Amino acid sequence: MESIRPGQHGIVQFGGFEVDLRAGELRKQGARIRLQEQPLQVLQILLEHPGEVVSREELRRRIWPANTFVDFDHGLNNAIKRLREALGDTAERPEHIETLPRKGYRCIATVSVSPLKIESLAVLPLENLSGDPEQEYFAEGLTEALITTLAKVGELRVVSRTSVMLYKGVRKSLREIAAELGVDAVVEGTVLRVGRRVRITAQLIDAAREAHLWAESYERDLRNVLALQSEVAQAIAREVQVKLTPQEQAHLRQIHQVDPEAYEAYLKGRYYWNRRSSEGLSKAAENFQLAITKDPSYAGAYSGLADCLVLRGSWGIAAPDEGCGRAKQVALRALEIDSGLSEGHASLAFATMWYDYDFLTAEREFERCIELNPRYITGRQWFGFYLALMGRYEEAYTELKRATRLDPHSSVGYFCMGFLHWTARRYDQAIEAYAKAIELEPSNALAHAFQGLAYLCKSLYDPAVAALQKGMQRFQGAFDAALGETYAKAGMRVAAQQILQQLQDRSKQHYVGPYGMAVLSLALGKNNEALSGLEAGYRGRDPRMVLLKVDPRLDQLRSAPRFQDLLRRMKFSS
């Protein structure tokens, strides 16, 4: 007959019943049986000693310590009575709990124990102990790095960075947080950086019982911080009894030293990248470039820089060669250094798609990224976006739903889902998805702007203008053409023509993507100018040409031979 240890978590079966030690629940055939705390505590203690007598004094010591102001005899007798009622047992003919007069009680049922495996956890934001707000990027960066490392353990579901960051500074019990995130356990801790030394204290907590399972403190030189992250991840994996595959073990052991200044710059880059603003992208790119300068072999910094460049290019902030073209070269360099870097394959896929219109290579690189790390959320979001561009709506929906399950609080994920609905002409659903993206991140300029385009496709001009203007507040010049298009379709031709003229004048000194001007020309009824603009966009590698196959605003041109010829030359994947 098995017994359970004090503090053990698992499922205990006896006589047709089971006790979930983590949740503190008694169940029969899956149905929960209501049982007050003290009777349940008595049951758990008896299950620790099946077939043995547990004295009344032992029960007093464990449940009714000396400083509690209750009548012990009455309390214990009442607890035994409630317990027998729950089990359908009697003192005269016991099947589960036997009374030994003047001695105590004994569990006489056959007991078996099934360990309850921790299959999911959340790494809450590490607390910055420095007292310096300028060091927040360091604590946030280490939190993200630990999440990323743990997420590569296949048997473990790890909540995404976006979701856990919502709990930064939130005063809630760990049980509440775990229930909201749907996890079995929580990792919380602190980080303190002093000069070139960093100290991390981490603890693993059984969420349902709020019981500490493991705690440890680590202190290392900043040069060995990657090894420190791996140590913490391996310790947590051991404690939750996750079986690591040989590939996962090799990955966790594959540690190299990093230049402290390069790592610090990398963390700053990730901090600003996560802000997803024009200013944030610029600062992120500067810090990734600094990390590369300090450590030219830092593959992750190259991938980070590539992502910044490709977004600047695709948003029209940078010219094609400076944005997506350079991003492609930087991503290739990341993979030269580390061909197993999933982030690098996603960076190359995205850059190749926007710059070369090489959709077959992009798809192959996305698939390689997901093969290497199925939980790399950005890779899945971008792959879903790519599939939407190809008009493969069912596949795109499936991929984006996977990404949303991995990161249910990602504004980017809902933006991508909104984009899918927009390209599929499901405008109401697109507006709803963009609204969710904005709710999660009010500063998401792309969500505001594309919500405006969805309103435009429904001929709702006032909300379209309002949404586009909100997007333009964050990215000057990125959506001017779309605003002009809205004016044109609303009958405000003079205002629309003025915006088109301004864009044409600006293009003489700064890069302005021909695609946006072509769509605006089409809204003004200038079909030939629109087709010529699209031709110019193709020749000049305008990133937004990847919208050509699915953009609903171009539907009236689709039957034109010049348009069909352009589609053939771009070789869209079917």
Protein backbone atom coordinates (compact mmCIF):
# COMPACT_ATOMS: atom_id res chain seq x y z
CA MET A 1 0.00 0.00 0.00
CA GLU A 2 1.41 3.37 -1.01
CA SER A 3 1.60 6.42 1.19
CA ILE A 4 2.00 10.11 0.48
CA ARG A 5 4.63 12.45 1.84
CA PRO A 6 3.73 15.71 3.59
CA GLY A 7 3.76 18.47 0.97
CA GLN A 8 3.63 16.01 -1.94
CA HIS A 9 1.46 17.00 -4.90
CA GLY A 10 -0.39 14.39 -6.91
CA ILE A 11 -3.60 12.34 -7.12
CA VAL A 12 -4.34 9.83 -4.32
CA GLN A 13 -6.89 7.09 -5.09
CA PHE A 14 -8.68 5.03 -2.42
CA GLY A 15 -11.96 3.13 -2.35
CA GLY A 16 -13.45 4.78 -5.46
CA PHE A 17 -12.43 8.25 -4.33
CA GLU A 18 -9.52 10.48 -5.24
CA VAL A 19 -7.87 13.46 -3.59
CA ASP A 20 -6.14 16.09 -5.71
CA LEU A 21 -3.41 17.21 -3.33
CA ARG A 22 -2.54 20.28 -5.40
CA ALA A 23 -6.06 21.64 -5.69
CA GLY A 24 -7.15 20.37 -2.27
CA GLU A 25 -10.23 18.60 -3.65
CA LEU A 26 -12.02 15.32 -2.90
CA ARG A 27 -13.64 13.75 -5.96
CA LYS A 28 -15.65 10.65 -6.85
CA GLN A 29 -15.86 9.59 -10.50
CA GLY A 30 -14.62 13.03 -11.44
CA ALA A 31 -17.31 14.91 -9.49
CA ARG A 32 -16.10 17.23 -6.74
CA ILE A 33 -17.39 16.51 -3.22
CA ARG A 34 -17.68 19.54 -0.97
CA LEU A 35 -15.56 19.10 2.13
CA GLN A 36 -14.47 21.74 4.62
CA GLU A 37 -10.80 22.45 5.18
CA GLN A 38 -10.30 20.62 8.51
CA PRO A 39 -11.97 17.33 7.48
CA LEU A 40 -9.88 17.41 4.28
CA GLN A 41 -6.71 17.99 6.31
CA VAL A 42 -7.57 15.01 8.54
CA LEU A 43 -8.07 12.86 5.42
CA GLN A 44 -4.74 13.91 3.94
CA ILE A 45 -2.89 13.08 7.16
CA LEU A 46 -4.53 9.65 7.37
CA LEU A 47 -3.59 9.00 3.73
CA GLU A 48 0.02 9.73 4.62
CA HIS A 49 -0.09 6.67 6.93
CA PRO A 50 -2.38 4.05 5.31
CA GLY A 51 -2.96 1.06 7.58
CA GLU A 52 -1.33 2.85 10.52
CA VAL A 53 -2.91 4.42 13.58
CA VAL A 54 -2.69 8.22 13.63
CA SER A 55 -3.12 9.46 17.19
CA ARG A 56 -5.46 12.22 18.21
CA GLU A 57 -2.41 14.05 19.56
CA GLU A 58 -0.73 13.94 16.13
CA LEU A 59 -3.87 15.36 14.53
CA ARG A 60 -4.00 18.09 17.21
CA ARG A 61 -0.35 19.01 16.54
CA ARG A 62 -0.81 19.14 12.75
CA ILE A 63 -4.22 20.83 12.53
CA TRP A 64 -5.01 22.49 15.88
CA PRO A 65 -1.77 23.99 17.22
CA ALA A 66 -1.66 25.20 20.82
CA ASN A 67 -2.30 28.84 19.98
CA THR A 68 -5.68 28.20 18.34
CA PHE A 69 -8.67 29.13 20.48
CA VAL A 70 -10.98 26.20 19.73
CA ASP A 71 -12.28 23.15 21.57
CA PHE A 72 -9.99 20.47 20.09
CA ASP A 73 -12.15 17.44 20.99
CA HIS A 74 -15.27 19.02 19.54
CA GLY A 75 -13.39 20.17 16.45
CA LEU A 76 -11.85 16.76 15.75
CA ASN A 77 -15.06 14.84 16.36
CA ASN A 78 -16.93 17.19 14.03
CA ALA A 79 -14.21 16.85 11.36
CA ILE A 80 -14.38 13.02 11.49
CA LYS A 81 -18.17 13.16 11.29
CA ARG A 82 -18.08 15.44 8.20
CA LEU A 83 -15.41 13.25 6.59
CA ARG A 84 -17.44 10.06 7.07
CA GLU A 85 -20.53 11.76 5.63
CA ALA A 86 -18.57 12.75 2.54
CA LEU A 87 -17.21 9.21 2.11
CA GLY A 88 -20.53 7.48 2.90
CA ASP A 89 -18.78 5.72 5.78
CA THR A 90 -19.94 4.78 9.30
CA ALA A 91 -18.11 4.26 12.58
CA GLU A 92 -19.87 0.93 13.10
CA ARG A 93 -18.98 -0.57 9.69
CA PRO A 94 -16.11 1.47 8.33
CA GLU A 95 -14.84 0.98 4.79
CA HIS A 96 -12.39 3.86 4.74
CA ILE A 97 -11.75 5.41 8.17
CA GLU A 98 -11.57 3.22 11.29
CA THR A 99 -11.84 4.59 14.86
CA LEU A 100 -9.63 3.12 17.57
CA PRO A 101 -11.09 4.30 20.91
CA ARG A 102 -8.73 6.40 23.04
CA LYS A 103 -5.99 5.93 20.42
CA GLY A 104 -6.88 7.61 17.14
CA TYR A 105 -7.90 6.78 13.58
CA ARG A 106 -6.66 4.58 10.74
CA CYS A 107 -7.17 4.60 6.96
CA ILE A 108 -8.14 1.01 6.06
CA ALA A 109 -8.77 1.56 2.32
CA THR A 110 -6.23 0.56 -0.33
CA VAL A 111 -4.27 3.68 -1.28
CA SER A 112 -2.40 4.41 -4.52
CA VAL A 113 -0.61 7.61 -5.51
CA SER A 114 -0.29 9.11 -8.99
CA PRO A 115 2.18 11.99 -9.17
CA LEU A 116 0.54 15.10 -10.60
CA LYS A 117 2.89 16.41 -13.24
CA ILE A 118 3.44 20.11 -13.75
CA GLU A 119 2.79 20.60 -17.45
CA SER A 120 2.48 24.37 -17.66
CA LEU A 121 4.04 27.36 -15.93
CA ALA A 122 4.36 31.12 -16.07
CA VAL A 123 7.55 33.07 -15.43
CA LEU A 124 6.34 36.27 -13.80
CA PRO A 125 8.33 39.48 -14.44
CA LEU A 126 11.52 39.41 -12.39
CA GLU A 127 11.56 42.23 -9.86
CA ASN A 128 14.23 44.86 -10.39
CA LEU A 129 15.97 45.26 -7.02
CA SER A 130 18.34 48.00 -8.14
CA GLY A 131 15.86 50.76 -7.36
CA ASP A 132 16.89 52.36 -10.66
CA PRO A 133 14.04 52.61 -13.23
CA GLU A 134 16.71 52.76 -15.93
CA GLN A 135 17.49 49.12 -15.12
CA GLU A 136 13.97 47.92 -15.95
CA TYR A 137 15.12 46.84 -19.41
CA PHE A 138 17.60 44.47 -17.73
CA ALA A 139 15.03 42.74 -15.51
CA GLU A 140 12.50 42.58 -18.35
CA GLY A 141 15.12 41.23 -20.74
CA LEU A 142 16.20 38.46 -18.38
CA THR A 143 12.55 37.52 -17.83
CA GLU A 144 12.03 37.20 -21.58
CA ALA A 145 15.26 35.23 -22.00
CA LEU A 146 14.23 32.75 -19.29
CA ILE A 147 10.79 32.34 -20.88
CA THR A 148 12.39 31.75 -24.29
CA THR A 149 14.77 29.12 -22.89
CA LEU A 150 12.03 27.24 -21.02
CA ALA A 151 9.64 27.43 -23.98
CA LYS A 152 12.03 25.24 -25.97
CA VAL A 153 11.32 22.33 -23.61
CA GLY A 154 8.75 20.39 -25.61
CA GLU A 155 6.80 18.80 -22.74
CA LEU A 156 6.31 22.12 -20.94
CA ARG A 157 3.79 24.82 -21.87
CA VAL A 158 5.26 28.18 -20.95
CA VAL A 159 3.13 31.33 -21.00
CA SER A 160 4.39 34.01 -23.37
CA ARG A 161 6.17 37.20 -22.40
CA THR A 162 3.26 39.38 -23.54
CA SER A 163 0.82 37.62 -21.23
CA VAL A 164 3.00 37.61 -18.12
CA MET A 165 4.00 41.25 -18.53
CA LEU A 166 0.37 42.16 -17.88
CA TYR A 167 1.01 41.12 -14.27
CA LYS A 168 3.97 43.40 -13.71
CA GLY A 169 3.27 45.29 -10.49
CA VAL A 170 -0.22 43.75 -10.18
CA ARG A 171 -1.30 42.90 -6.63
CA LYS A 172 -3.00 39.54 -7.01
CA SER A 173 -2.46 36.21 -5.31
CA LEU A 174 -0.38 33.67 -7.20
CA ARG A 175 -3.38 31.36 -7.21
CA GLU A 176 -5.46 34.01 -8.99
CA ILE A 177 -2.72 34.75 -11.52
CA ALA A 178 -2.18 31.06 -12.26
CA ALA A 179 -5.92 30.50 -12.71
CA GLU A 180 -6.17 33.44 -15.14
CA LEU A 181 -3.16 32.19 -17.12
CA GLY A 182 -4.24 28.55 -16.91
CA VAL A 183 -0.98 27.18 -15.50
CA ASP A 184 0.01 24.62 -12.87
CA ALA A 185 3.02 26.48 -11.47
CA VAL A 186 4.55 29.94 -11.29
CA VAL A 187 8.16 31.07 -11.31
CA GLU A 188 8.83 34.36 -9.58
CA GLY A 189 12.03 36.01 -8.55
CA THR A 190 14.30 39.03 -8.45
CA VAL A 191 17.29 40.33 -10.33
CA LEU A 192 20.02 42.65 -9.08
CA ARG A 193 22.80 43.93 -11.25
CA VAL A 194 25.79 45.66 -9.69
CA GLY A 195 28.55 46.54 -12.11
CA ARG A 196 29.53 43.38 -13.97
CA ARG A 197 27.85 41.05 -11.45
CA VAL A 198 24.28 39.85 -11.69
CA ARG A 199 22.27 37.96 -9.08
CA ILE A 200 19.04 36.12 -9.84
CA THR A 201 16.84 34.60 -7.15
CA ALA A 202 14.10 32.32 -8.44
CA GLN A 203 11.45 30.16 -6.82
CA LEU A 204 9.00 27.64 -8.24
CA ILE A 205 5.55 27.68 -6.67
CA ASP A 206 2.73 25.16 -6.90
CA ALA A 207 -0.01 27.58 -7.91
CA ALA A 208 -3.12 25.83 -6.57
CA ARG A 209 -1.67 25.38 -3.07
CA GLU A 210 0.71 28.36 -3.22
CA ALA A 211 3.35 25.95 -1.93
CA HIS A 212 7.05 26.53 -2.58
CA LEU A 213 8.55 23.60 -4.47
CA TRP A 214 12.05 24.95 -5.07
CA ALA A 215 14.09 28.10 -4.58
CA GLU A 216 17.65 29.02 -5.48
CA SER A 217 19.90 32.06 -5.77
CA TYR A 218 22.57 32.46 -8.44
CA GLU A 219 25.31 35.04 -8.83
CA ARG A 220 27.57 35.27 -11.86
CA ASP A 221 29.72 37.60 -13.86
CA LEU A 222 27.69 39.22 -16.62
CA ARG A 223 29.90 37.44 -19.16
CA ASN A 224 28.38 34.13 -17.99
CA VAL A 225 24.76 35.31 -17.94
CA LEU A 226 23.73 32.92 -20.73
CA ALA A 227 25.02 30.00 -18.69
CA LEU A 228 23.09 31.38 -15.73
CA GLN A 229 19.82 31.38 -17.70
CA SER A 230 20.46 27.79 -18.75
CA GLU A 231 21.18 26.72 -15.16
CA VAL A 232 17.92 28.19 -13.94
CA ALA A 233 15.96 26.60 -16.79
CA GLN A 234 17.51 23.17 -16.21
CA ALA A 235 16.82 23.38 -12.46
CA ILE A 236 13.16 24.21 -13.10
CA ALA A 237 12.87 21.38 -15.65
CA ARG A 238 14.25 18.95 -13.06
CA GLU A 239 11.86 20.12 -10.37
CA VAL A 240 8.77 19.77 -12.56
CA GLN A 241 10.05 16.34 -13.64
CA VAL A 242 9.99 17.11 -17.35
CA LYS A 243 11.84 14.61 -19.50
CA LEU A 244 14.24 16.45 -21.79
CA THR A 245 14.94 15.07 -25.25
CA PRO A 246 18.60 14.68 -26.29
CA GLN A 247 18.14 17.70 -28.58
CA GLU A 248 16.78 19.81 -25.70
CA GLN A 249 19.59 18.69 -23.42
CA ALA A 250 22.15 19.60 -26.07
CA HIS A 251 20.54 23.00 -26.58
CA LEU A 252 20.64 23.80 -22.87
CA ARG A 253 24.27 22.72 -22.68
CA GLN A 254 25.25 24.78 -25.72
CA ILE A 255 26.48 27.79 -23.81
CA HIS A 256 28.96 30.45 -24.81
CA GLN A 257 30.24 33.50 -23.08
CA VAL A 258 28.99 36.87 -24.22
CA ASP A 259 30.57 40.29 -24.03
CA PRO A 260 28.81 42.06 -21.10
CA GLU A 261 28.37 45.31 -23.01
CA ALA A 262 27.06 43.41 -26.04
CA TYR A 263 24.52 41.55 -23.90
CA GLU A 264 23.40 44.74 -22.20
CA ALA A 265 22.88 46.38 -25.60
CA TYR A 266 20.98 43.32 -26.80
CA LEU A 267 18.60 43.48 -23.82
CA LYS A 268 18.00 47.17 -24.49
CA GLY A 269 17.30 46.32 -28.11
CA ARG A 270 14.68 43.74 -27.12
CA TYR A 271 13.16 46.18 -24.64
CA TYR A 272 12.63 48.83 -27.33
CA TRP A 273 11.63 46.27 -29.98
CA ASN A 274 8.76 45.16 -27.78
CA ARG A 275 7.41 48.75 -27.77
CA ARG A 276 6.68 48.48 -31.53
CA SER A 277 6.78 52.23 -32.24
CA SER A 278 8.76 54.17 -34.85
CA GLU A 279 10.97 55.64 -32.13
CA GLY A 280 11.22 52.26 -30.41
CA LEU A 281 12.34 50.55 -33.62
CA SER A 282 15.05 53.15 -34.14
CA LYS A 283 16.38 52.73 -30.60
CA ALA A 284 16.14 48.95 -30.87
CA ALA A 285 18.12 48.97 -34.12
CA GLU A 286 20.79 51.20 -32.55
CA ASN A 287 21.22 48.84 -29.62
CA PHE A 288 21.29 45.68 -31.74
CA GLN A 289 23.93 47.32 -33.93
CA LEU A 290 25.93 48.23 -30.81
CA ALA A 291 25.72 44.61 -29.62
CA ILE A 292 27.07 43.45 -32.99
CA THR A 293 29.91 45.98 -32.80
CA LYS A 294 30.84 44.75 -29.31
CA ASP A 295 30.47 41.07 -30.27
CA PRO A 296 30.46 40.37 -34.05
CA SER A 297 29.63 36.70 -33.39
CA TYR A 298 26.34 37.44 -31.56
CA ALA A 299 23.77 35.77 -33.85
CA GLY A 300 20.76 36.87 -31.81
CA ALA A 301 21.74 40.54 -32.21
CA TYR A 302 21.86 40.16 -36.01
CA SER A 303 18.39 38.60 -35.99
CA GLY A 304 17.08 41.41 -33.80
CA LEU A 305 18.55 44.05 -36.10
CA ALA A 306 17.06 42.31 -39.16
CA ASP A 307 13.60 42.38 -37.59
CA CYS A 308 13.87 46.12 -36.90
CA LEU A 309 15.03 46.83 -40.44
CA VAL A 310 12.33 44.73 -42.09
CA LEU A 311 9.57 46.46 -40.11
CA ARG A 312 10.98 49.90 -40.94
CA GLY A 313 11.01 48.87 -44.58
CA SER A 314 7.58 47.26 -44.68
CA TRP A 315 6.02 50.24 -42.87
CA GLY A 316 7.53 52.63 -45.42
CA ILE A 317 9.84 54.34 -42.91
CA ALA A 318 12.97 53.24 -44.82
CA ALA A 319 13.65 52.77 -48.52
CA PRO A 320 13.62 49.15 -49.77
CA ASP A 321 17.40 48.72 -49.96
CA GLU A 322 17.95 50.36 -46.57
CA GLY A 323 15.10 48.47 -44.90
CA CYS A 324 14.15 45.02 -46.18
CA GLY A 325 17.21 44.63 -48.43
CA ARG A 326 19.64 45.24 -45.59
CA ALA A 327 17.49 43.10 -43.29
CA LYS A 328 17.96 40.16 -45.64
CA GLN A 329 21.76 40.48 -45.53
CA VAL A 330 21.79 40.82 -41.74
CA ALA A 331 19.53 37.76 -41.35
CA LEU A 332 21.82 35.74 -43.60
CA ARG A 333 24.75 36.72 -41.38
CA ALA A 334 22.83 35.53 -38.29
CA LEU A 335 22.33 32.13 -39.90
CA GLU A 336 25.97 31.92 -40.99
CA ILE A 337 26.88 32.20 -37.31
CA ASP A 338 24.10 29.90 -36.03
CA SER A 339 22.11 27.93 -38.60
CA GLY A 340 19.93 26.53 -35.80
CA LEU A 341 18.66 29.94 -34.70
CA SER A 342 14.90 29.80 -35.30
CA GLU A 343 14.59 33.58 -34.97
CA GLY A 344 17.13 34.00 -37.78
CA HIS A 345 15.09 31.83 -40.15
CA ALA A 346 11.96 33.88 -39.41
CA SER A 347 13.91 37.10 -40.01
CA LEU A 348 15.21 35.82 -43.35
CA ALA A 349 11.75 34.63 -44.39
CA PHE A 350 10.13 37.96 -43.67
CA ALA A 351 12.87 40.01 -45.34
CA THR A 352 12.93 37.76 -48.43
CA MET A 353 9.18 38.04 -48.77
CA TRP A 354 9.11 41.84 -48.63
CA TYR A 355 12.29 42.55 -50.60
CA ASP A 356 12.70 39.82 -53.23
CA TYR A 357 9.04 38.72 -53.51
CA ASP A 358 10.60 35.25 -53.26
CA PHE A 359 7.62 33.53 -51.70
CA LEU A 360 8.86 29.95 -52.04
CA THR A 361 12.06 30.72 -50.13
CA ALA A 362 10.07 32.66 -47.53
CA GLU A 363 7.75 29.71 -46.93
CA ARG A 364 10.65 27.29 -46.64
CA GLU A 365 12.37 29.53 -44.08
CA PHE A 366 9.17 29.96 -42.05
CA GLU A 367 8.73 26.20 -41.94
CA ARG A 368 12.34 25.74 -40.83
CA CYS A 369 11.83 28.34 -38.08
CA ILE A 370 8.78 26.51 -36.72
CA GLU A 371 10.51 23.14 -37.01
CA LEU A 372 13.36 24.43 -34.84
CA ASN A 373 11.10 26.15 -32.32
CA PRO A 374 7.34 25.47 -32.61
CA ARG A 375 6.71 28.02 -29.85
CA TYR A 376 8.44 31.00 -31.44
CA ILE A 377 5.36 33.21 -31.50
CA THR A 378 6.67 35.91 -33.85
CA GLY A 379 7.57 33.24 -36.40
CA ARG A 380 4.06 31.79 -36.30
CA GLN A 381 2.42 35.22 -36.48
CA TRP A 382 4.52 36.20 -39.49
CA PHE A 383 3.89 32.85 -41.17
CA GLY A 384 0.14 33.33 -40.73
CA PHE A 385 0.46 36.82 -42.20
CA TYR A 386 2.40 35.37 -45.16
CA LEU A 387 -0.28 32.72 -45.79
CA ALA A 388 -2.94 35.45 -45.81
CA LEU A 389 -0.92 37.35 -48.44
CA MET A 390 -0.91 34.19 -50.56
CA GLY A 391 -4.70 33.96 -50.29
CA ARG A 392 -4.44 30.69 -48.35
CA TYR A 393 -7.03 31.75 -45.82
CA GLU A 394 -7.81 28.46 -44.07
CA GLU A 395 -4.12 27.71 -43.53
CA ALA A 396 -3.53 31.28 -42.34
CA TYR A 397 -6.42 31.04 -39.88
CA THR A 398 -5.10 27.75 -38.47
CA GLU A 399 -1.60 29.16 -38.04
CA LEU A 400 -2.79 32.37 -36.40
CA LYS A 401 -5.07 30.45 -34.03
CA ARG A 402 -2.03 28.44 -32.96
CA ALA A 403 -0.13 31.67 -32.36
CA THR A 404 -3.05 33.07 -30.35
CA ARG A 405 -3.17 29.96 -28.17
CA LEU A 406 0.53 30.40 -27.46
CA ASP A 407 0.14 34.11 -26.74
CA PRO A 408 -3.51 35.04 -26.07
CA HIS A 409 -2.62 38.61 -25.06
CA SER A 410 -0.58 39.53 -28.13
CA SER A 411 -1.77 42.67 -29.88
CA VAL A 412 0.33 41.67 -32.91
CA GLY A 413 -1.49 38.34 -33.12
CA TYR A 414 -4.90 40.00 -33.26
CA PHE A 415 -3.60 42.49 -35.82
CA CYS A 416 -2.53 39.58 -38.04
CA MET A 417 -5.94 37.96 -37.58
CA GLY A 418 -7.59 41.25 -38.52
CA PHE A 419 -5.41 41.43 -41.63
CA LEU A 420 -6.49 37.92 -42.61
CA HIS A 421 -10.19 38.84 -42.28
CA TRP A 422 -9.61 42.07 -44.26
CA THR A 423 -7.96 40.27 -47.16
CA ALA A 424 -10.77 37.68 -47.10
CA ARG A 425 -13.33 40.55 -47.35
CA ARG A 426 -14.75 39.77 -43.89
CA TYR A 427 -14.69 43.39 -42.82
CA ASP A 428 -16.81 43.18 -39.67
CA GLN A 429 -14.60 40.42 -38.31
CA ALA A 430 -11.53 42.43 -39.27
CA ILE A 431 -12.79 45.49 -37.38
CA GLU A 432 -13.49 43.32 -34.34
CA ALA A 433 -10.00 41.76 -34.40
CA TYR A 434 -8.33 45.16 -34.79
CA ALA A 435 -10.38 46.46 -31.85
CA LYS A 436 -9.04 43.59 -29.73
CA ALA A 437 -5.50 44.42 -30.83
CA ILE A 438 -6.03 48.06 -29.83
CA GLU A 439 -7.57 47.07 -26.51
CA LEU A 440 -4.43 45.07 -25.71
CA GLU A 441 -2.06 47.76 -27.00
CA PRO A 442 -3.67 51.19 -27.56
CA SER A 443 -0.52 52.46 -29.30
CA ASN A 444 -0.64 49.76 -32.02
CA ALA A 445 -0.52 52.10 -35.02
CA LEU A 446 -0.93 49.36 -37.61
CA ALA A 447 -4.11 48.12 -35.92
CA HIS A 448 -5.57 51.64 -35.95
CA ALA A 449 -4.62 52.21 -39.60
CA PHE A 450 -5.86 48.87 -40.91
CA GLN A 451 -9.04 49.21 -38.92
CA GLY A 452 -9.45 52.43 -40.90
CA LEU A 453 -9.00 50.47 -44.14
CA ALA A 454 -11.66 47.98 -43.03
CA TYR A 455 -14.07 50.85 -42.33
CA LEU A 456 -13.16 52.28 -45.74
CA CYS A 457 -14.07 49.00 -47.46
CA LYS A 458 -17.49 49.25 -45.78
CA SER A 459 -17.84 52.87 -47.00
CA LEU A 460 -17.85 54.12 -43.38
CA TYR A 461 -15.74 57.18 -44.06
CA ASP A 462 -15.86 59.09 -40.76
CA PRO A 463 -14.61 56.19 -38.59
CA ALA A 464 -12.10 55.36 -41.34
CA VAL A 465 -10.59 58.85 -41.18
CA ALA A 466 -10.52 58.80 -37.37
CA ALA A 467 -8.76 55.42 -37.25
CA LEU A 468 -6.22 56.35 -39.94
CA GLN A 469 -5.36 59.59 -38.17
CA LYS A 470 -4.65 57.66 -34.97
CA GLY A 471 -2.27 55.44 -36.90
CA MET A 472 -0.59 58.46 -38.45
CA GLN A 473 0.13 59.95 -35.02
CA ARG A 474 2.60 57.13 -34.38
CA PHE A 475 4.04 56.81 -37.88
CA GLN A 476 4.31 60.08 -39.73
CA GLY A 477 3.84 59.63 -43.48
CA ALA A 478 3.11 55.90 -43.39
CA PHE A 479 -0.64 56.17 -44.03
CA ASP A 480 -1.03 59.50 -45.84
CA ALA A 481 -1.98 57.77 -49.09
CA ALA A 482 -4.69 55.72 -47.34
CA LEU A 483 -6.13 58.91 -45.85
CA GLY A 484 -6.19 60.48 -49.30
CA GLU A 485 -7.92 57.39 -50.66
CA THR A 486 -10.59 57.73 -47.99
CA TYR A 487 -11.15 61.37 -48.89
CA ALA A 488 -11.46 60.43 -52.56
CA LYS A 489 -14.06 57.73 -51.94
CA ALA A 490 -15.97 60.06 -49.60
CA GLY A 491 -16.27 62.56 -52.47
CA MET A 492 -13.62 64.97 -51.11
CA ARG A 493 -11.62 64.93 -54.34
CA VAL A 494 -9.81 68.22 -53.77
CA ALA A 495 -8.41 67.08 -50.42
CA ALA A 496 -7.47 63.70 -51.93
CA GLN A 497 -5.72 65.34 -54.91
CA GLN A 498 -3.79 67.59 -52.55
CA ILE A 499 -2.46 64.58 -50.62
CA LEU A 500 -1.47 62.86 -53.88
CA GLN A 501 0.41 65.99 -55.00
CA GLN A 502 2.15 66.24 -51.62
CA LEU A 503 3.28 62.62 -51.89
CA GLN A 504 4.58 63.15 -55.41
CA ASP A 505 6.51 66.23 -54.28
CA ARG A 506 7.91 64.43 -51.25
CA SER A 507 9.04 61.48 -53.39
CA LYS A 508 11.51 63.77 -55.19
CA GLN A 509 13.57 64.12 -52.02
CA HIS A 510 12.59 61.15 -49.81
CA TYR A 511 11.42 57.63 -50.41
CA VAL A 512 7.67 57.31 -50.85
CA GLY A 513 6.35 53.90 -51.85
CA PRO A 514 4.63 53.92 -55.28
CA TYR A 515 2.08 51.35 -54.10
CA GLY A 516 0.25 53.75 -51.81
CA MET A 517 0.16 56.46 -54.50
CA ALA A 518 -1.14 53.90 -57.01
CA VAL A 519 -4.04 52.94 -54.75
CA LEU A 520 -4.83 56.63 -54.18
CA SER A 521 -4.76 57.26 -57.94
CA LEU A 522 -7.20 54.39 -58.41
CA ALA A 523 -9.56 55.91 -55.83
CA LEU A 524 -9.46 59.14 -57.88
CA GLY A 525 -10.46 57.16 -60.99
CA LYS A 526 -7.01 57.32 -62.59
CA ASN A 527 -6.74 53.66 -63.53
CA ASN A 528 -3.84 53.96 -65.95
CA GLU A 529 -1.83 56.01 -63.46
CA ALA A 530 -2.60 53.38 -60.83
CA LEU A 531 -1.32 50.57 -63.06
CA SER A 532 1.81 52.56 -63.91
CA GLY A 533 2.35 53.17 -60.20
CA LEU A 534 2.12 49.46 -59.47
CA GLU A 535 4.63 48.77 -62.24
CA ALA A 536 6.97 51.33 -60.62
CA GLY A 537 6.44 49.66 -57.26
CA TYR A 538 7.44 46.28 -58.71
CA ARG A 539 10.57 47.64 -60.37
CA GLY A 540 11.56 49.57 -57.25
CA ARG A 541 10.94 46.69 -54.80
CA ASP A 542 8.25 48.55 -52.89
CA PRO A 543 7.55 46.14 -49.98
CA ARG A 544 3.80 46.79 -50.08
CA MET A 545 3.61 45.15 -53.49
CA VAL A 546 3.23 41.87 -51.59
CA LEU A 547 -0.38 42.99 -50.97
CA LEU A 548 -1.12 42.86 -54.70
CA LYS A 549 -2.82 39.45 -54.78
CA VAL A 550 -5.27 40.04 -51.92
CA ASP A 551 -5.76 43.80 -51.42
CA PRO A 552 -9.53 44.39 -51.77
CA ARG A 553 -8.96 48.00 -52.82
CA LEU A 554 -7.52 46.75 -56.14
CA ASP A 555 -10.44 44.51 -57.10
CA GLN A 556 -11.59 46.75 -59.96
CA LEU A 557 -8.18 46.33 -61.65
CA ARG A 558 -7.95 42.56 -61.42
CA SER A 559 -9.33 41.84 -64.88
CA ALA A 560 -6.92 44.28 -66.56
CA PRO A 561 -4.27 42.48 -68.67
CA ARG A 562 -1.49 44.68 -67.23
CA PHE A 563 -2.54 43.72 -63.72
CA GLN A 564 -2.68 40.01 -64.55
CA ASP A 565 0.75 40.22 -66.15
CA LEU A 566 2.12 41.87 -63.02
CA LEU A 567 0.67 39.10 -60.84
CA ARG A 568 2.39 36.48 -63.06
CA ARG A 569 5.75 38.23 -62.82
CA MET A 570 5.55 38.41 -59.04
CA LYS A 571 5.07 34.60 -58.92
CA PHE A 572 2.68 34.46 -56.01
CA SER A 573 2.50 31.09 -54.31
CA SER A 574 -0.84 29.35 -54.89
